[in-house]
Amino acid sequence: MMMHSATGAVLWAVTVVALWGGAVWAAVQLLRRPHRQPPRTMPSPLDILERRYAAGDMTREDFDEARARLREHELDI
């Protein structure tokens, strides 16, 4: 006949406490993690140009000329 030892019971108790502690730690880490934001993409040259025109940094003629140059370069690629 096998006898249950106190050491075996303590080992199981420690294992269960460690598993629950690990689960709680993992949950806390997930909750503390800042919400991930999608990576920011760089604005395209045309976006920058349009923003500058909208802000009044350039005239309509300057905008049209710069946009035409951008379109020429897009065709080269």
N, C-alpha and C. Protein backbone atom coordinates (compact mmCIF):
# COMPACT_ATOMS: atom_id res chain seq x y z
N MET A 1 0.82 -1.19 0.00
CA MET A 1 0.00 0.00 0.00
C MET A 1 0.86 1.25 0.00
N MET A 2 0.41 2.25 -0.77
CA MET A 2 1.15 3.50 -0.84
C MET A 2 0.64 4.49 0.19
N MET A 3 1.56 5.19 0.77
CA MET A 3 1.17 6.20 1.75
C MET A 3 1.41 7.58 1.15
N HIS A 4 0.50 8.46 1.40
CA HIS A 4 0.66 9.83 0.93
C HIS A 4 1.52 10.58 1.93
N SER A 5 2.50 11.27 1.40
CA SER A 5 3.39 11.98 2.31
C SER A 5 3.01 13.45 2.38
N ALA A 6 3.41 14.07 3.42
CA ALA A 6 3.17 15.50 3.59
C ALA A 6 3.96 16.30 2.57
N THR A 7 5.11 15.79 2.16
CA THR A 7 5.94 16.48 1.18
C THR A 7 5.22 16.56 -0.17
N GLY A 8 4.54 15.48 -0.54
CA GLY A 8 3.78 15.48 -1.80
C GLY A 8 2.65 16.49 -1.77
N ALA A 9 1.97 16.61 -0.65
CA ALA A 9 0.87 17.57 -0.52
C ALA A 9 1.39 19.00 -0.59
N VAL A 10 2.52 19.24 0.05
CA VAL A 10 3.13 20.58 0.02
C VAL A 10 3.58 20.92 -1.39
N LEU A 11 4.15 19.94 -2.08
CA LEU A 11 4.59 20.17 -3.46
C LEU A 11 3.42 20.55 -4.36
N TRP A 12 2.31 19.84 -4.22
CA TRP A 12 1.12 20.16 -5.01
C TRP A 12 0.59 21.55 -4.67
N ALA A 13 0.58 21.89 -3.39
CA ALA A 13 0.09 23.20 -2.96
C ALA A 13 0.96 24.32 -3.54
N VAL A 14 2.28 24.11 -3.48
CA VAL A 14 3.20 25.12 -4.03
C VAL A 14 3.01 25.24 -5.54
N THR A 15 2.83 24.13 -6.22
CA THR A 15 2.62 24.14 -7.67
C THR A 15 1.35 24.89 -8.03
N VAL A 16 0.27 24.62 -7.32
CA VAL A 16 -1.00 25.30 -7.61
C VAL A 16 -0.88 26.80 -7.35
N VAL A 17 -0.26 27.18 -6.25
CA VAL A 17 -0.07 28.60 -5.95
C VAL A 17 0.80 29.26 -7.01
N ALA A 18 1.84 28.57 -7.46
CA ALA A 18 2.72 29.14 -8.50
C ALA A 18 1.96 29.31 -9.81
N LEU A 19 1.14 28.34 -10.18
CA LEU A 19 0.37 28.46 -11.42
C LEU A 19 -0.63 29.62 -11.35
N TRP A 20 -1.33 29.73 -10.23
CA TRP A 20 -2.28 30.85 -10.08
C TRP A 20 -1.54 32.19 -10.05
N GLY A 21 -0.40 32.23 -9.38
CA GLY A 21 0.39 33.46 -9.35
C GLY A 21 0.85 33.85 -10.74
N GLY A 22 1.28 32.85 -11.53
CA GLY A 22 1.69 33.13 -12.91
C GLY A 22 0.53 33.64 -13.75
N ALA A 23 -0.65 33.08 -13.55
CA ALA A 23 -1.83 33.52 -14.31
C ALA A 23 -2.19 34.97 -13.94
N VAL A 24 -2.14 35.27 -12.66
CA VAL A 24 -2.45 36.64 -12.22
C VAL A 24 -1.40 37.61 -12.75
N TRP A 25 -0.13 37.23 -12.68
CA TRP A 25 0.94 38.09 -13.19
C TRP A 25 0.75 38.37 -14.68
N ALA A 26 0.43 37.32 -15.46
CA ALA A 26 0.23 37.49 -16.90
C ALA A 26 -0.95 38.41 -17.18
N ALA A 27 -2.03 38.27 -16.41
CA ALA A 27 -3.20 39.14 -16.61
C ALA A 27 -2.86 40.60 -16.31
N VAL A 28 -2.11 40.82 -15.25
CA VAL A 28 -1.70 42.20 -14.89
C VAL A 28 -0.82 42.79 -15.99
N GLN A 29 0.10 42.00 -16.52
CA GLN A 29 0.99 42.49 -17.57
C GLN A 29 0.20 42.86 -18.82
N LEU A 30 -0.79 42.06 -19.16
CA LEU A 30 -1.61 42.36 -20.34
C LEU A 30 -2.44 43.63 -20.14
N LEU A 31 -2.93 43.83 -18.92
CA LEU A 31 -3.72 45.03 -18.65
C LEU A 31 -2.87 46.29 -18.58
N ARG A 32 -1.62 46.15 -18.13
CA ARG A 32 -0.74 47.31 -18.02
C ARG A 32 -0.16 47.73 -19.36
N ARG A 33 -0.13 46.82 -20.32
CA ARG A 33 0.45 47.12 -21.63
C ARG A 33 -0.38 48.23 -22.30
N PRO A 34 0.29 49.26 -22.77
CA PRO A 34 -0.48 50.32 -23.44
C PRO A 34 -1.12 49.76 -24.71
N HIS A 35 -2.26 50.31 -25.02
CA HIS A 35 -2.95 49.87 -26.23
C HIS A 35 -2.07 50.16 -27.43
N ARG A 36 -1.89 49.17 -28.23
CA ARG A 36 -1.00 49.34 -29.38
C ARG A 36 -1.70 50.14 -30.46
N GLN A 37 -1.00 51.13 -30.95
CA GLN A 37 -1.51 51.96 -32.02
C GLN A 37 -0.90 51.48 -33.33
N PRO A 38 -1.67 51.60 -34.39
CA PRO A 38 -1.08 51.19 -35.66
C PRO A 38 0.13 52.07 -35.98
N PRO A 39 1.12 51.52 -36.63
CA PRO A 39 2.30 52.32 -36.94
C PRO A 39 1.93 53.51 -37.82
N ARG A 40 2.53 54.62 -37.50
CA ARG A 40 2.26 55.83 -38.27
C ARG A 40 3.02 55.75 -39.59
N THR A 41 2.32 56.10 -40.63
CA THR A 41 2.97 56.11 -41.92
C THR A 41 3.39 57.54 -42.23
N MET A 42 4.43 57.65 -42.98
CA MET A 42 4.91 58.96 -43.39
C MET A 42 3.94 59.54 -44.41
N PRO A 43 3.65 60.82 -44.30
CA PRO A 43 2.79 61.42 -45.32
C PRO A 43 3.50 61.45 -46.67
N SER A 44 2.73 61.29 -47.70
CA SER A 44 3.33 61.32 -49.03
C SER A 44 3.72 62.76 -49.38
N PRO A 45 4.59 62.95 -50.34
CA PRO A 45 4.95 64.31 -50.75
C PRO A 45 3.72 65.12 -51.20
N LEU A 46 2.77 64.45 -51.85
CA LEU A 46 1.56 65.15 -52.28
C LEU A 46 0.74 65.58 -51.08
N ASP A 47 0.67 64.74 -50.04
CA ASP A 47 -0.04 65.13 -48.81
C ASP A 47 0.58 66.38 -48.19
N ILE A 48 1.90 66.39 -48.13
CA ILE A 48 2.60 67.55 -47.56
C ILE A 48 2.33 68.80 -48.39
N LEU A 49 2.38 68.62 -49.70
CA LEU A 49 2.12 69.75 -50.60
C LEU A 49 0.71 70.29 -50.41
N GLU A 50 -0.26 69.40 -50.31
CA GLU A 50 -1.66 69.83 -50.12
C GLU A 50 -1.85 70.53 -48.78
N ARG A 51 -1.19 70.06 -47.75
CA ARG A 51 -1.28 70.72 -46.45
C ARG A 51 -0.68 72.12 -46.49
N ARG A 52 0.45 72.24 -47.16
CA ARG A 52 1.09 73.56 -47.27
C ARG A 52 0.19 74.53 -48.04
N TYR A 53 -0.44 74.03 -49.10
CA TYR A 53 -1.33 74.89 -49.88
C TYR A 53 -2.55 75.28 -49.04
N ALA A 54 -3.09 74.32 -48.32
CA ALA A 54 -4.27 74.60 -47.48
C ALA A 54 -3.93 75.59 -46.37
N ALA A 55 -2.69 75.55 -45.89
CA ALA A 55 -2.28 76.47 -44.82
C ALA A 55 -1.95 77.86 -45.34
N GLY A 56 -1.92 78.00 -46.66
CA GLY A 56 -1.63 79.31 -47.24
C GLY A 56 -0.14 79.58 -47.38
N ASP A 57 0.68 78.56 -47.30
CA ASP A 57 2.13 78.74 -47.42
C ASP A 57 2.57 78.94 -48.86
N MET A 58 1.69 78.63 -49.81
CA MET A 58 2.07 78.75 -51.22
C MET A 58 0.86 79.19 -52.04
N THR A 59 1.16 79.75 -53.20
CA THR A 59 0.10 80.20 -54.10
C THR A 59 -0.41 79.02 -54.93
N ARG A 60 -1.51 79.25 -55.63
CA ARG A 60 -2.07 78.21 -56.49
C ARG A 60 -1.08 77.84 -57.60
N GLU A 61 -0.40 78.84 -58.13
CA GLU A 61 0.57 78.58 -59.20
C GLU A 61 1.73 77.71 -58.69
N ASP A 62 2.23 78.06 -57.50
CA ASP A 62 3.31 77.26 -56.90
C ASP A 62 2.85 75.82 -56.65
N PHE A 63 1.62 75.69 -56.17
CA PHE A 63 1.07 74.36 -55.90
C PHE A 63 0.96 73.54 -57.19
N ASP A 64 0.39 74.15 -58.23
CA ASP A 64 0.23 73.43 -59.49
C ASP A 64 1.59 73.01 -60.08
N GLU A 65 2.55 73.90 -60.00
CA GLU A 65 3.88 73.59 -60.53
C GLU A 65 4.54 72.44 -59.74
N ALA A 66 4.46 72.52 -58.42
CA ALA A 66 5.06 71.47 -57.60
C ALA A 66 4.34 70.13 -57.80
N ARG A 67 3.01 70.18 -57.93
CA ARG A 67 2.26 68.94 -58.15
C ARG A 67 2.62 68.32 -59.50
N ALA A 68 2.81 69.15 -60.50
CA ALA A 68 3.20 68.65 -61.83
C ALA A 68 4.57 67.98 -61.75
N ARG A 69 5.50 68.58 -60.99
CA ARG A 69 6.83 67.98 -60.84
C ARG A 69 6.75 66.65 -60.10
N LEU A 70 5.89 66.58 -59.10
CA LEU A 70 5.72 65.31 -58.37
C LEU A 70 5.18 64.24 -59.30
N ARG A 71 4.22 64.59 -60.12
CA ARG A 71 3.62 63.61 -61.03
C ARG A 71 4.64 63.14 -62.07
N GLU A 72 5.53 64.02 -62.50
CA GLU A 72 6.58 63.61 -63.44
C GLU A 72 7.49 62.55 -62.82
N HIS A 73 7.82 62.76 -61.52
CA HIS A 73 8.69 61.82 -60.83
C HIS A 73 7.98 60.50 -60.56
N GLU A 74 6.66 60.53 -60.33
CA GLU A 74 5.91 59.29 -60.12
C GLU A 74 5.96 58.41 -61.36
N LEU A 75 5.96 59.03 -62.54
CA LEU A 75 6.00 58.26 -63.77
C LEU A 75 7.36 57.63 -64.00
N ASP A 76 8.42 58.27 -63.45
CA ASP A 76 9.77 57.74 -63.62
C ASP A 76 10.01 56.47 -62.82
N ILE A 77 9.26 56.31 -61.75
CA ILE A 77 9.52 55.17 -60.85
C ILE A 77 8.90 53.91 -61.36
